Amino acid sequence: MAPGGGVCQEVIESRPKFMNYEISVAKADKNSFLAKSTAGSGEKHGMTSSNGVHDLLECPECTNLMYPPIHQCPNGHTLCANCKRVHKRCPTCQFELGNIRCLALEKVAESLELPCRYQSLGCHDIFPYYSKLKHEQHCRFRPYNCPYASCECSVTGDIPALVAHLKEDHMVDMHDGSTFNHRYVKSNPHEVENAMWMLTVFNCFGRQFCLHFEAFSLGMAPVYMAFLRFMGEDNDAKKFNYTLEVSAFGRKLVWQGVPRSIRDSHIKVRDSQDGLVIPRSLALFFSGGDRQELKLRIIGRIWKV
């Protein structure tokens, strides 16, 4: 068990949202919350090498930066490898494409040093052209995806913006404190194979944690699973532990673990079973009564390690 005191007495009750639940963001311009952060350190700092050459490395079809192999048509129009796969003719001049590599442009790209695409968010490092893409895939300044689980929400942003988005657009439950007593309710649970209950966000230790509760099938067995995700990077998530507990009739089931960063999707966390997994029959036992209604009380605590 976690160190220190008991759990709070407030009981928070949630009812499920189903997999096909959809939510639309009120305004299109909310599809991106890009906020500036403090500057990092690491690679060299400076300005981009050549904006003109940088423009030449932009694929004229998809506008993404091109990486080897860079292709060109007989008239010299360039095309990235992905677009080359779907086009038999040059999109610019309609001349039939062959298998001509633009080796000169690939060579020029080797000499370039470019800023990270997340420069406006706080990353001021400069990278060789062919190292830039790999860095950006793991840049700590890259926006986070919305952690809301029961819809395909495309909103991205920094943590303060996502907290505001969760509260205003998804209307999630927000609570202060590191302990919780949460009850999940569902009538006719045998009719539900896939469901997600409303996300709950806890503010404690100056950080935010997302509590998930889902019903799904593990193989052929229907199960419920509760788990915690941390709104931040994985190395910061490892500074915390949490417990989840269900108990009734002198029996107790306890999970202790490390919250997962929201860099990992809820599906990835769920599929790894990194949380409190409860078979449906056991969940109904803990619910009491005639076992025809889910009334599962989960007690939890978060603490710093």
C-alpha atoms as a PDB file:
ATOM      1  CA  MET A   1       0.000   0.000   0.000  1.00  0.00           C
ATOM      2  CA  ALA A   2       0.942   3.590  -0.398  1.00  0.00           C
ATOM      3  CA  PRO A   3       2.524   5.388   2.531  1.00  0.00           C
ATOM      4  CA  GLY A   4       0.594   7.834   4.681  1.00  0.00           C
ATOM      5  CA  GLY A   5      -3.034   8.204   5.889  1.00  0.00           C
ATOM      6  CA  GLY A   6      -6.376   6.964   4.657  1.00  0.00           C
ATOM      7  CA  VAL A   7      -8.353   7.881   1.628  1.00  0.00           C
ATOM      8  CA  CYS A   8     -10.831  10.711   1.259  1.00  0.00           C
ATOM      9  CA  GLN A   9     -14.499  10.087   2.043  1.00  0.00           C
ATOM     10  CA  GLU A  10     -15.984  11.753  -1.054  1.00  0.00           C
ATOM     11  CA  VAL A  11     -17.498   9.199  -3.429  1.00  0.00           C
ATOM     12  CA  ILE A  12     -17.348  10.166  -7.102  1.00  0.00           C
ATOM     13  CA  GLU A  13     -19.838   8.263  -9.271  1.00  0.00           C
ATOM     14  CA  SER A  14     -19.352   7.677 -12.995  1.00  0.00           C
ATOM     15  CA  ARG A  15     -21.491   6.128 -15.699  1.00  0.00           C
ATOM     16  CA  PRO A  16     -20.145   4.771 -18.965  1.00  0.00           C
ATOM     17  CA  LYS A  17     -19.593   6.352 -22.338  1.00  0.00           C
ATOM     18  CA  PHE A  18     -19.592   3.866 -25.205  1.00  0.00           C
ATOM     19  CA  MET A  19     -16.963   3.263 -27.896  1.00  0.00           C
ATOM     20  CA  ASN A  20     -18.982   4.917 -30.631  1.00  0.00           C
ATOM     21  CA  TYR A  21     -19.463   8.068 -28.592  1.00  0.00           C
ATOM     22  CA  GLU A  22     -18.414  11.138 -30.570  1.00  0.00           C
ATOM     23  CA  ILE A  23     -17.735  14.681 -29.522  1.00  0.00           C
ATOM     24  CA  SER A  24     -17.161  17.656 -31.758  1.00  0.00           C
ATOM     25  CA  VAL A  25     -14.953  20.544 -30.749  1.00  0.00           C
ATOM     26  CA  ALA A  26     -16.948  23.734 -30.794  1.00  0.00           C
ATOM     27  CA  LYS A  27     -14.546  25.758 -32.876  1.00  0.00           C
ATOM     28  CA  ALA A  28     -12.232  24.611 -35.645  1.00  0.00           C
ATOM     29  CA  ASP A  29      -9.427  26.752 -34.353  1.00  0.00           C
ATOM     30  CA  LYS A  30      -9.328  24.618 -31.197  1.00  0.00           C
ATOM     31  CA  ASN A  31      -7.757  21.794 -33.178  1.00  0.00           C
ATOM     32  CA  SER A  32      -4.365  23.003 -32.070  1.00  0.00           C
ATOM     33  CA  PHE A  33      -3.292  24.574 -28.786  1.00  0.00           C
ATOM     34  CA  LEU A  34       0.302  25.511 -29.419  1.00  0.00           C
ATOM     35  CA  ALA A  35       1.813  27.336 -26.479  1.00  0.00           C
ATOM     36  CA  LYS A  36       5.389  28.534 -26.048  1.00  0.00           C
ATOM     37  CA  SER A  37       7.635  26.862 -23.500  1.00  0.00           C
ATOM     38  CA  THR A  38      11.015  27.698 -22.062  1.00  0.00           C
ATOM     39  CA  ALA A  39      14.054  27.086 -24.261  1.00  0.00           C
ATOM     40  CA  GLY A  40      15.859  23.771 -24.033  1.00  0.00           C
ATOM     41  CA  SER A  41      19.489  22.910 -24.421  1.00  0.00           C
ATOM     42  CA  GLY A  42      21.282  20.143 -26.258  1.00  0.00           C
ATOM     43  CA  GLU A  43      22.278  20.529 -29.873  1.00  0.00           C
ATOM     44  CA  LYS A  44      23.735  23.663 -31.413  1.00  0.00           C
ATOM     45  CA  HIS A  45      21.715  26.864 -31.400  1.00  0.00           C
ATOM     46  CA  GLY A  46      21.384  29.146 -34.389  1.00  0.00           C
ATOM     47  CA  MET A  47      19.462  30.085 -37.489  1.00  0.00           C
ATOM     48  CA  THR A  48      18.445  27.909 -40.427  1.00  0.00           C
ATOM     49  CA  SER A  49      21.120  27.507 -43.083  1.00  0.00           C
ATOM     50  CA  SER A  50      19.296  28.500 -46.241  1.00  0.00           C
ATOM     51  CA  ASN A  51      15.608  29.193 -46.575  1.00  0.00           C
ATOM     52  CA  GLY A  52      15.877  28.941 -50.371  1.00  0.00           C
ATOM     53  CA  VAL A  53      17.356  25.454 -50.313  1.00  0.00           C
ATOM     54  CA  HIS A  54      14.913  24.491 -47.581  1.00  0.00           C
ATOM     55  CA  ASP A  55      12.059  25.410 -49.940  1.00  0.00           C
ATOM     56  CA  LEU A  56      13.578  23.225 -52.660  1.00  0.00           C
ATOM     57  CA  LEU A  57      13.473  20.265 -50.285  1.00  0.00           C
ATOM     58  CA  GLU A  58       9.713  20.644 -49.856  1.00  0.00           C
ATOM     59  CA  CYS A  59       7.793  18.140 -51.958  1.00  0.00           C
ATOM     60  CA  PRO A  60       5.664  20.177 -54.405  1.00  0.00           C
ATOM     61  CA  GLU A  61       2.857  17.637 -54.106  1.00  0.00           C
ATOM     62  CA  CYS A  62       2.439  16.941 -50.362  1.00  0.00           C
ATOM     63  CA  THR A  63       4.615  19.878 -49.079  1.00  0.00           C
ATOM     64  CA  ASN A  64       6.441  17.563 -46.635  1.00  0.00           C
ATOM     65  CA  LEU A  65      10.230  17.721 -46.480  1.00  0.00           C
ATOM     66  CA  MET A  66      11.889  15.187 -48.769  1.00  0.00           C
ATOM     67  CA  TYR A  67      14.392  12.575 -47.631  1.00  0.00           C
ATOM     68  CA  PRO A  68      16.341  10.065 -49.736  1.00  0.00           C
ATOM     69  CA  PRO A  69      15.414   8.740 -52.141  1.00  0.00           C
ATOM     70  CA  ILE A  70      14.405  12.083 -53.695  1.00  0.00           C
ATOM     71  CA  HIS A  71      12.982  11.523 -57.179  1.00  0.00           C
ATOM     72  CA  GLN A  72      12.723  13.800 -60.206  1.00  0.00           C
ATOM     73  CA  CYS A  73      10.983  13.644 -63.564  1.00  0.00           C
ATOM     74  CA  PRO A  74      12.919  14.034 -66.876  1.00  0.00           C
ATOM     75  CA  ASN A  75      12.111  17.760 -66.737  1.00  0.00           C
ATOM     76  CA  GLY A  76      13.732  18.137 -63.311  1.00  0.00           C
ATOM     77  CA  HIS A  77      10.623  18.448 -61.109  1.00  0.00           C
ATOM     78  CA  THR A  78      11.223  16.763 -57.766  1.00  0.00           C
ATOM     79  CA  LEU A  79       8.949  14.426 -55.843  1.00  0.00           C
ATOM     80  CA  CYS A  80       9.222  12.664 -52.479  1.00  0.00           C
ATOM     81  CA  ALA A  81       9.320   8.875 -52.224  1.00  0.00           C
ATOM     82  CA  ASN A  82       5.776   8.622 -50.823  1.00  0.00           C
ATOM     83  CA  CYS A  83       4.240  10.667 -53.629  1.00  0.00           C
ATOM     84  CA  LYS A  84       6.307   8.758 -56.196  1.00  0.00           C
ATOM     85  CA  ARG A  85       4.546   5.561 -55.098  1.00  0.00           C
ATOM     86  CA  VAL A  86       1.097   6.949 -55.948  1.00  0.00           C
ATOM     87  CA  HIS A  87       1.905   8.925 -59.112  1.00  0.00           C
ATOM     88  CA  LYS A  88       2.868   7.486 -62.486  1.00  0.00           C
ATOM     89  CA  ARG A  89       3.177  10.962 -63.983  1.00  0.00           C
ATOM     90  CA  CYS A  90       4.824  14.115 -62.693  1.00  0.00           C
ATOM     91  CA  PRO A  91       2.150  16.198 -60.900  1.00  0.00           C
ATOM     92  CA  THR A  92       3.835  19.384 -62.181  1.00  0.00           C
ATOM     93  CA  CYS A  93       4.288  18.698 -65.913  1.00  0.00           C
ATOM     94  CA  GLN A  94       2.415  15.394 -66.363  1.00  0.00           C
ATOM     95  CA  PHE A  95       5.515  13.826 -67.957  1.00  0.00           C
ATOM     96  CA  GLU A  96       5.823  10.116 -67.267  1.00  0.00           C
ATOM     97  CA  LEU A  97       7.935   9.410 -64.209  1.00  0.00           C
ATOM     98  CA  GLY A  98      10.906   7.092 -64.431  1.00  0.00           C
ATOM     99  CA  ASN A  99      13.306   6.067 -61.720  1.00  0.00           C
ATOM    100  CA  ILE A 100      15.541   9.137 -61.718  1.00  0.00           C
ATOM    101  CA  ARG A 101      17.151  10.086 -58.410  1.00  0.00           C
ATOM    102  CA  CYS A 102      17.944  13.718 -57.690  1.00  0.00           C
ATOM    103  CA  LEU A 103      21.356  12.967 -56.193  1.00  0.00           C
ATOM    104  CA  ALA A 104      22.469  16.598 -56.301  1.00  0.00           C
ATOM    105  CA  LEU A 105      19.608  17.727 -54.042  1.00  0.00           C
ATOM    106  CA  GLU A 106      20.215  14.805 -51.674  1.00  0.00           C
ATOM    107  CA  LYS A 107      23.852  15.896 -51.411  1.00  0.00           C
ATOM    108  CA  VAL A 108      22.921  19.518 -50.763  1.00  0.00           C
ATOM    109  CA  ALA A 109      20.561  18.399 -47.990  1.00  0.00           C
ATOM    110  CA  GLU A 110      23.492  16.777 -46.163  1.00  0.00           C
ATOM    111  CA  SER A 111      25.093  20.202 -45.689  1.00  0.00           C
ATOM    112  CA  LEU A 112      21.990  21.843 -44.194  1.00  0.00           C
ATOM    113  CA  GLU A 113      21.349  22.542 -40.530  1.00  0.00           C
ATOM    114  CA  LEU A 114      17.732  23.326 -39.674  1.00  0.00           C
ATOM    115  CA  PRO A 115      15.723  24.249 -36.578  1.00  0.00           C
ATOM    116  CA  CYS A 116      13.281  21.821 -35.000  1.00  0.00           C
ATOM    117  CA  ARG A 117       9.717  22.193 -36.269  1.00  0.00           C
ATOM    118  CA  TYR A 118       8.694  22.863 -32.644  1.00  0.00           C
ATOM    119  CA  GLN A 119      10.891  25.947 -32.398  1.00  0.00           C
ATOM    120  CA  SER A 120       7.873  28.146 -31.630  1.00  0.00           C
ATOM    121  CA  LEU A 121       7.055  25.862 -28.677  1.00  0.00           C
ATOM    122  CA  GLY A 122      10.471  26.247 -27.071  1.00  0.00           C
ATOM    123  CA  CYS A 123      12.921  23.941 -28.861  1.00  0.00           C
ATOM    124  CA  HIS A 124      15.751  26.168 -30.136  1.00  0.00           C
ATOM    125  CA  ASP A 125      18.179  23.428 -31.145  1.00  0.00           C
ATOM    126  CA  ILE A 126      19.615  23.132 -34.663  1.00  0.00           C
ATOM    127  CA  PHE A 127      20.063  19.743 -36.355  1.00  0.00           C
ATOM    128  CA  PRO A 128      21.660  18.340 -39.504  1.00  0.00           C
ATOM    129  CA  TYR A 129      18.944  17.866 -42.093  1.00  0.00           C
ATOM    130  CA  TYR A 130      18.961  14.073 -41.944  1.00  0.00           C
ATOM    131  CA  SER A 131      18.878  14.054 -38.102  1.00  0.00           C
ATOM    132  CA  LYS A 132      16.047  16.540 -37.782  1.00  0.00           C
ATOM    133  CA  LEU A 133      13.189  14.110 -38.419  1.00  0.00           C
ATOM    134  CA  LYS A 134      14.398  11.593 -35.833  1.00  0.00           C
ATOM    135  CA  HIS A 135      14.743  14.338 -33.229  1.00  0.00           C
ATOM    136  CA  GLU A 136      11.257  15.690 -33.900  1.00  0.00           C
ATOM    137  CA  GLN A 137       9.693  12.276 -33.285  1.00  0.00           C
ATOM    138  CA  HIS A 138      10.941  12.440 -29.683  1.00  0.00           C
ATOM    139  CA  CYS A 139      11.265  16.188 -29.061  1.00  0.00           C
ATOM    140  CA  ARG A 140      10.125  17.004 -25.544  1.00  0.00           C
ATOM    141  CA  PHE A 141       8.506  20.197 -26.843  1.00  0.00           C
ATOM    142  CA  ARG A 142       6.235  18.406 -29.317  1.00  0.00           C
ATOM    143  CA  PRO A 143       2.523  18.816 -28.500  1.00  0.00           C
ATOM    144  CA  TYR A 144       0.656  16.163 -26.572  1.00  0.00           C
ATOM    145  CA  ASN A 145      -2.423  14.433 -27.939  1.00  0.00           C
ATOM    146  CA  CYS A 146      -5.688  14.893 -26.091  1.00  0.00           C
ATOM    147  CA  PRO A 147      -5.890  12.072 -23.492  1.00  0.00           C
ATOM    148  CA  TYR A 148      -9.677  11.756 -23.738  1.00  0.00           C
ATOM    149  CA  ALA A 149     -10.312   8.132 -24.634  1.00  0.00           C
ATOM    150  CA  SER A 150     -13.860   7.638 -25.899  1.00  0.00           C
ATOM    151  CA  CYS A 151     -13.614   9.604 -29.136  1.00  0.00           C
ATOM    152  CA  GLU A 152     -11.088  10.364 -31.827  1.00  0.00           C
ATOM    153  CA  CYS A 153     -10.198  13.849 -30.641  1.00  0.00           C
ATOM    154  CA  SER A 154      -7.608  15.567 -32.835  1.00  0.00           C
ATOM    155  CA  VAL A 155      -6.749  18.373 -30.414  1.00  0.00           C
ATOM    156  CA  THR A 156      -3.075  18.697 -29.464  1.00  0.00           C
ATOM    157  CA  GLY A 157      -1.269  21.136 -27.220  1.00  0.00           C
ATOM    158  CA  ASP A 158       0.759  21.686 -24.079  1.00  0.00           C
ATOM    159  CA  ILE A 159      -0.491  20.468 -20.703  1.00  0.00           C
ATOM    160  CA  PRO A 160      -2.226  23.686 -19.485  1.00  0.00           C
ATOM    161  CA  ALA A 161      -4.079  23.992 -22.811  1.00  0.00           C
ATOM    162  CA  LEU A 162      -5.154  20.334 -22.730  1.00  0.00           C
ATOM    163  CA  VAL A 163      -6.392  20.634 -19.142  1.00  0.00           C
ATOM    164  CA  ALA A 164      -8.550  23.587 -20.195  1.00  0.00           C
ATOM    165  CA  HIS A 165      -9.722  21.666 -23.274  1.00  0.00           C
ATOM    166  CA  LEU A 166     -10.693  18.599 -21.207  1.00  0.00           C
ATOM    167  CA  LYS A 167     -12.686  20.772 -18.830  1.00  0.00           C
ATOM    168  CA  GLU A 168     -14.404  22.978 -21.397  1.00  0.00           C
ATOM    169  CA  ASP A 169     -14.932  20.673 -24.392  1.00  0.00           C
ATOM    170  CA  HIS A 170     -15.098  17.175 -22.896  1.00  0.00           C
ATOM    171  CA  MET A 171     -16.537  18.337 -19.543  1.00  0.00           C
ATOM    172  CA  VAL A 172     -14.481  15.810 -17.593  1.00  0.00           C
ATOM    173  CA  ASP A 173     -14.574  15.583 -13.816  1.00  0.00           C
ATOM    174  CA  MET A 174     -11.774  17.638 -12.249  1.00  0.00           C
ATOM    175  CA  HIS A 175     -10.736  17.010  -8.646  1.00  0.00           C
ATOM    176  CA  ASP A 176      -8.001  18.257  -6.341  1.00  0.00           C
ATOM    177  CA  GLY A 177      -6.148  15.846  -4.091  1.00  0.00           C
ATOM    178  CA  SER A 178      -4.060  12.691  -4.210  1.00  0.00           C
ATOM    179  CA  THR A 179      -6.665  10.281  -2.818  1.00  0.00           C
ATOM    180  CA  PHE A 180      -9.980   9.275  -4.320  1.00  0.00           C
ATOM    181  CA  ASN A 181     -13.000   7.060  -3.758  1.00  0.00           C
ATOM    182  CA  HIS A 182     -14.673   6.479  -7.107  1.00  0.00           C
ATOM    183  CA  ARG A 183     -17.742   4.362  -7.875  1.00  0.00           C
ATOM    184  CA  TYR A 184     -18.453   3.056 -11.365  1.00  0.00           C
ATOM    185  CA  VAL A 185     -22.071   2.190 -12.116  1.00  0.00           C
ATOM    186  CA  LYS A 186     -23.752   0.316 -14.962  1.00  0.00           C
ATOM    187  CA  SER A 187     -27.101  -1.432 -15.091  1.00  0.00           C
ATOM    188  CA  ASN A 188     -27.284  -4.621 -17.171  1.00  0.00           C
ATOM    189  CA  PRO A 189     -23.472  -5.003 -17.316  1.00  0.00           C
ATOM    190  CA  HIS A 190     -23.812  -8.322 -19.178  1.00  0.00           C
ATOM    191  CA  GLU A 191     -25.055  -6.369 -22.202  1.00  0.00           C
ATOM    192  CA  VAL A 192     -21.934  -4.238 -22.361  1.00  0.00           C
ATOM    193  CA  GLU A 193     -18.785  -5.647 -23.969  1.00  0.00           C
ATOM    194  CA  ASN A 194     -16.946  -2.408 -24.817  1.00  0.00           C
ATOM    195  CA  ALA A 195     -17.439   0.787 -22.868  1.00  0.00           C
ATOM    196  CA  MET A 196     -15.480   3.676 -21.418  1.00  0.00           C
ATOM    197  CA  TRP A 197     -16.534   5.651 -18.406  1.00  0.00           C
ATOM    198  CA  MET A 198     -16.048   9.398 -18.156  1.00  0.00           C
ATOM    199  CA  LEU A 199     -12.402  10.376 -17.688  1.00  0.00           C
ATOM    200  CA  THR A 200     -11.497  11.892 -14.312  1.00  0.00           C
ATOM    201  CA  VAL A 201      -8.558  14.276 -13.876  1.00  0.00           C
ATOM    202  CA  PHE A 202      -6.844  14.704 -10.497  1.00  0.00           C
ATOM    203  CA  ASN A 203      -4.687  17.724  -9.646  1.00  0.00           C
ATOM    204  CA  CYS A 204      -2.014  16.965  -7.066  1.00  0.00           C
ATOM    205  CA  PHE A 205       1.657  17.756  -6.475  1.00  0.00           C
ATOM    206  CA  GLY A 206       1.288  20.501  -9.088  1.00  0.00           C
ATOM    207  CA  ARG A 207       0.632  17.897 -11.831  1.00  0.00           C
ATOM    208  CA  GLN A 208      -2.381  16.257 -13.472  1.00  0.00           C
ATOM    209  CA  PHE A 209      -3.334  12.561 -13.603  1.00  0.00           C
ATOM    210  CA  CYS A 210      -6.042  10.914 -15.736  1.00  0.00           C
ATOM    211  CA  LEU A 211      -8.041   8.042 -14.250  1.00  0.00           C
ATOM    212  CA  HIS A 212      -9.444   5.667 -16.881  1.00  0.00           C
ATOM    213  CA  PHE A 213     -12.028   2.909 -16.450  1.00  0.00           C
ATOM    214  CA  GLU A 214     -13.001   0.641 -19.344  1.00  0.00           C
ATOM    215  CA  ALA A 215     -14.876  -2.552 -20.153  1.00  0.00           C
ATOM    216  CA  PHE A 216     -13.509  -4.779 -22.906  1.00  0.00           C
ATOM    217  CA  SER A 217     -12.799  -8.419 -23.744  1.00  0.00           C
ATOM    218  CA  LEU A 218      -9.478  -9.989 -22.875  1.00  0.00           C
ATOM    219  CA  GLY A 219      -9.485 -12.943 -25.225  1.00  0.00           C
ATOM    220  CA  MET A 220     -12.956 -14.370 -24.674  1.00  0.00           C
ATOM    221  CA  ALA A 221     -13.244 -13.083 -21.097  1.00  0.00           C
ATOM    222  CA  PRO A 222     -15.093  -9.808 -20.351  1.00  0.00           C
ATOM    223  CA  VAL A 223     -13.062  -7.640 -17.987  1.00  0.00           C
ATOM    224  CA  TYR A 224     -12.945  -4.172 -16.457  1.00  0.00           C
ATOM    225  CA  MET A 225      -9.718  -2.224 -16.159  1.00  0.00           C
ATOM    226  CA  ALA A 226      -8.745   0.909 -14.250  1.00  0.00           C
ATOM    227  CA  PHE A 227      -5.446   2.690 -14.807  1.00  0.00           C
ATOM    228  CA  LEU A 228      -3.772   6.052 -14.363  1.00  0.00           C
ATOM    229  CA  ARG A 229      -1.995   8.205 -16.955  1.00  0.00           C
ATOM    230  CA  PHE A 230       0.285  11.139 -16.218  1.00  0.00           C
ATOM    231  CA  MET A 231      -0.069  14.405 -18.124  1.00  0.00           C
ATOM    232  CA  GLY A 232       3.610  14.913 -18.904  1.00  0.00           C
ATOM    233  CA  GLU A 233       6.752  13.098 -19.973  1.00  0.00           C
ATOM    234  CA  ASP A 234       7.597   9.518 -19.058  1.00  0.00           C
ATOM    235  CA  ASN A 235      10.668  10.472 -16.986  1.00  0.00           C
ATOM    236  CA  ASP A 236       8.431  12.711 -14.825  1.00  0.00           C
ATOM    237  CA  ALA A 237       5.727  10.035 -14.577  1.00  0.00           C
ATOM    238  CA  LYS A 238       8.282   7.711 -12.971  1.00  0.00           C
ATOM    239  CA  LYS A 239       8.536  10.100 -10.024  1.00  0.00           C
ATOM    240  CA  PHE A 240       5.095   8.919  -8.883  1.00  0.00           C
ATOM    241  CA  ASN A 241       3.404   5.709  -7.751  1.00  0.00           C
ATOM    242  CA  TYR A 242      -0.266   4.946  -7.319  1.00  0.00           C
ATOM    243  CA  THR A 243      -2.536   2.246  -5.930  1.00  0.00           C
ATOM    244  CA  LEU A 244      -6.033   1.144  -6.967  1.00  0.00           C
ATOM    245  CA  GLU A 245      -8.101  -1.077  -4.692  1.00  0.00           C
ATOM    246  CA  VAL A 246     -11.489  -2.821  -4.681  1.00  0.00           C
ATOM    247  CA  SER A 247     -12.771  -4.666  -1.632  1.00  0.00           C
ATOM    248  CA  ALA A 248     -15.911  -6.286  -0.245  1.00  0.00           C
ATOM    249  CA  PHE A 249     -16.939  -9.180   1.997  1.00  0.00           C
ATOM    250  CA  GLY A 250     -13.490  -9.468   3.530  1.00  0.00           C
ATOM    251  CA  ARG A 251     -11.768  -9.743   0.131  1.00  0.00           C
ATOM    252  CA  LYS A 252      -9.474  -7.176  -1.407  1.00  0.00           C
ATOM    253  CA  LEU A 253      -7.837  -6.734  -4.806  1.00  0.00           C
ATOM    254  CA  VAL A 254      -4.973  -4.193  -4.983  1.00  0.00           C
ATOM    255  CA  TRP A 255      -2.886  -2.820  -7.848  1.00  0.00           C
ATOM    256  CA  GLN A 256       0.244  -0.723  -7.365  1.00  0.00           C
ATOM    257  CA  GLY A 257       2.111   0.768 -10.277  1.00  0.00           C
ATOM    258  CA  VAL A 258       3.660   3.763 -12.005  1.00  0.00           C
ATOM    259  CA  PRO A 259       1.358   6.052 -14.007  1.00  0.00           C
ATOM    260  CA  ARG A 260       1.975   5.962 -17.745  1.00  0.00           C
ATOM    261  CA  SER A 261       2.696   9.145 -19.678  1.00  0.00           C
ATOM    262  CA  ILE A 262      -0.053  10.348 -22.022  1.00  0.00           C
ATOM    263  CA  ARG A 263       2.600   9.963 -24.736  1.00  0.00           C
ATOM    264  CA  ASP A 264       1.331   6.359 -24.601  1.00  0.00           C
ATOM    265  CA  SER A 265      -2.234   6.104 -25.909  1.00  0.00           C
ATOM    266  CA  HIS A 266      -4.920   4.694 -23.643  1.00  0.00           C
ATOM    267  CA  ILE A 267      -5.201   1.742 -26.060  1.00  0.00           C
ATOM    268  CA  LYS A 268      -1.500   0.960 -25.675  1.00  0.00           C
ATOM    269  CA  VAL A 269      -1.776   1.090 -21.886  1.00  0.00           C
ATOM    270  CA  ARG A 270      -4.961  -0.985 -21.874  1.00  0.00           C
ATOM    271  CA  ASP A 271      -3.541  -3.631 -24.205  1.00  0.00           C
ATOM    272  CA  SER A 272      -0.425  -3.936 -22.035  1.00  0.00           C
ATOM    273  CA  GLN A 273      -2.739  -4.593 -19.025  1.00  0.00           C
ATOM    274  CA  ASP A 274      -0.731  -2.064 -17.017  1.00  0.00           C
ATOM    275  CA  GLY A 275      -3.397  -1.409 -14.423  1.00  0.00           C
ATOM    276  CA  LEU A 276      -6.056  -3.000 -12.215  1.00  0.00           C
ATOM    277  CA  VAL A 277      -7.719  -5.721 -14.346  1.00  0.00           C
ATOM    278  CA  ILE A 278     -10.914  -7.223 -12.888  1.00  0.00           C
ATOM    279  CA  PRO A 279     -12.843 -10.093 -14.509  1.00  0.00           C
ATOM    280  CA  ARG A 280     -16.518  -9.238 -14.871  1.00  0.00           C
ATOM    281  CA  SER A 281     -17.642 -11.993 -12.493  1.00  0.00           C
ATOM    282  CA  LEU A 282     -15.280 -10.692  -9.802  1.00  0.00           C
ATOM    283  CA  ALA A 283     -16.333  -7.080 -10.415  1.00  0.00           C
ATOM    284  CA  LEU A 284     -19.988  -8.075  -9.901  1.00  0.00           C
ATOM    285  CA  PHE A 285     -19.016  -9.957  -6.733  1.00  0.00           C
ATOM    286  CA  PHE A 286     -17.406  -6.786  -5.375  1.00  0.00           C
ATOM    287  CA  SER A 287     -20.539  -4.854  -6.430  1.00  0.00           C
ATOM    288  CA  GLY A 288     -22.674  -6.890  -3.994  1.00  0.00           C
ATOM    289  CA  GLY A 289     -26.439  -7.330  -4.284  1.00  0.00           C
ATOM    290  CA  ASP A 290     -27.785  -9.786  -6.840  1.00  0.00           C
ATOM    291  CA  ARG A 291     -24.782  -9.221  -9.140  1.00  0.00           C
ATOM    292  CA  GLN A 292     -27.028  -7.872 -11.895  1.00  0.00           C
ATOM    293  CA  GLU A 293     -25.752  -4.280 -11.635  1.00  0.00           C
ATOM    294  CA  LEU A 294     -22.198  -2.970 -11.607  1.00  0.00           C
ATOM    295  CA  LYS A 295     -21.538  -0.785  -8.566  1.00  0.00           C
ATOM    296  CA  LEU A 296     -17.784  -1.004  -8.296  1.00  0.00           C
ATOM    297  CA  ARG A 297     -16.054   1.218  -5.767  1.00  0.00           C
ATOM    298  CA  ILE A 298     -12.382   1.912  -6.520  1.00  0.00           C
ATOM    299  CA  ILE A 299     -10.217   3.530  -3.869  1.00  0.00           C
ATOM    300  CA  GLY A 300      -6.938   5.055  -4.954  1.00  0.00           C
ATOM    301  CA  ARG A 301      -3.960   7.090  -3.882  1.00  0.00           C
ATOM    302  CA  ILE A 302      -1.128   8.879  -5.711  1.00  0.00           C
ATOM    303  CA  TRP A 303       2.184   9.722  -4.077  1.00  0.00           C
ATOM    304  CA  LYS A 304       5.686  10.917  -4.951  1.00  0.00           C
ATOM    305  CA  VAL A 305       8.596   8.519  -4.724  1.00  0.00           C
END
